[in-house]
Amino acid sequence: MKRRDFSAMFGAGLVGAALPAGRAAAFSPPNNDVVPVTVGALANGTAQWELSVIKKMELDKKHGVDLSLKDVSGKQASHVALMSGDVDIVLSDFIWVATVRADGEDFTVVPHSYAVGGLMVQPDGPIQSINDLPGKTIAIAGGPVDKSWVALQAYYNKETGESLADKVEARFGAPPLVNELLAEGKADASLNFWHFNARSKAAGMKELISVTEMMEGLGVTDQPPLLGWVFRESIAAEKPGAIKGFLDASFEAKKMLLNRDSVWNDLKELMRVGDDQTLFETLRADYRKGIIPEYDQAMIDAAAASYKIMAEYGGPELVGDATEMPAGTFWSDYGV
């Protein structure tokens, strides 16, 4: 089994064995000729934290690329920009990549983050276990096929044999509204994206169970990488130096974000934490938990297992007609 091991960048004390000598050159600065690459990202998204480090530390130039950033207004807008060729790379989830790949598109993904959401509740509220969910209201960021909501339903069904959707009132809304509903007691629990959950935790709420724990309960013991850098294989073939150079810069920035507290001081404005030190430290800690240090076959197998669960419980509205993750969903030329 081949493996793209990033442990040489992250330090032997943080991950497994050091990067073999024969692979170390992957992170050496390329020649002095730089090639352009355009990445589309949400203006207020957490991907901007890493991208900011890349630009500030000139990691793009170090790895032979000239990185340009293009703001997109949302996930769908990023997909449109990618499909139209307006950008070379966007951040998206592997389930979307698998779905469009099954329809004949040549998109592929390299893992970016483990970070996932979870079920948030009030510490002294009426929900202290999933057995307390029936009859309660759950605020959910997104729609009926939100992946965290699908995962919770699958987990609840495995634990109880019953349908959670039939037993709770689900209220769907934007992430800030979801946090507000929980904080004001207008919802008994919430499912939100990890960084909004971090804000909720800093405000005194607690995570009852994470999506990672739900997936473990469903038999997915290795953590799948939900988010990744997505691009067309045809673009990677056309300008491989741009794609690989950006990915090298991305993983070097991850090393800095994991190991250097000083790097974070320049990110406070992007993080929108103001003078709230508790929020700043909570966001930093939870972001670091999601950093991916290596890209191996076990990770891809976990993603494939997760995809099957999403297909079973989310159905065609979530994954289309493909019930299994297509081959090539994860890019093998940069890793496995």
Foldseek 3Di string as FASTA:
>chain_A
DWWFFQCCLQDCVPDHDHDDPVCVCLLAFDDQAAAEFEEEEALLDPVVLLVVLCVVVVLLSRLRYDYDYDYAHDDVRRVVCQVVVVGFKYKAFLLVLLQVVVVPFQKAWAFFWLFFWFKKFAPPAQDQDVVSAFPFEEEEEDDPLDPLNLLVQLLCCVVPVDGSVVGYHYHYDHLVVRLVCRVVVVGGIYIHGRLSVLVSVLVRMDGNTTSQRSLVSVVLVDRARGMGMMGGVVVCVVPVSHVSSVVSSSLSSLSCLQPPPVSCVVCCVSSVCPPPPSSSVSSSVSRNVTGDRIDAPSNVVSVQVSLLSSCVRVPCVRRNPDNTRDPRNHPVVNTD
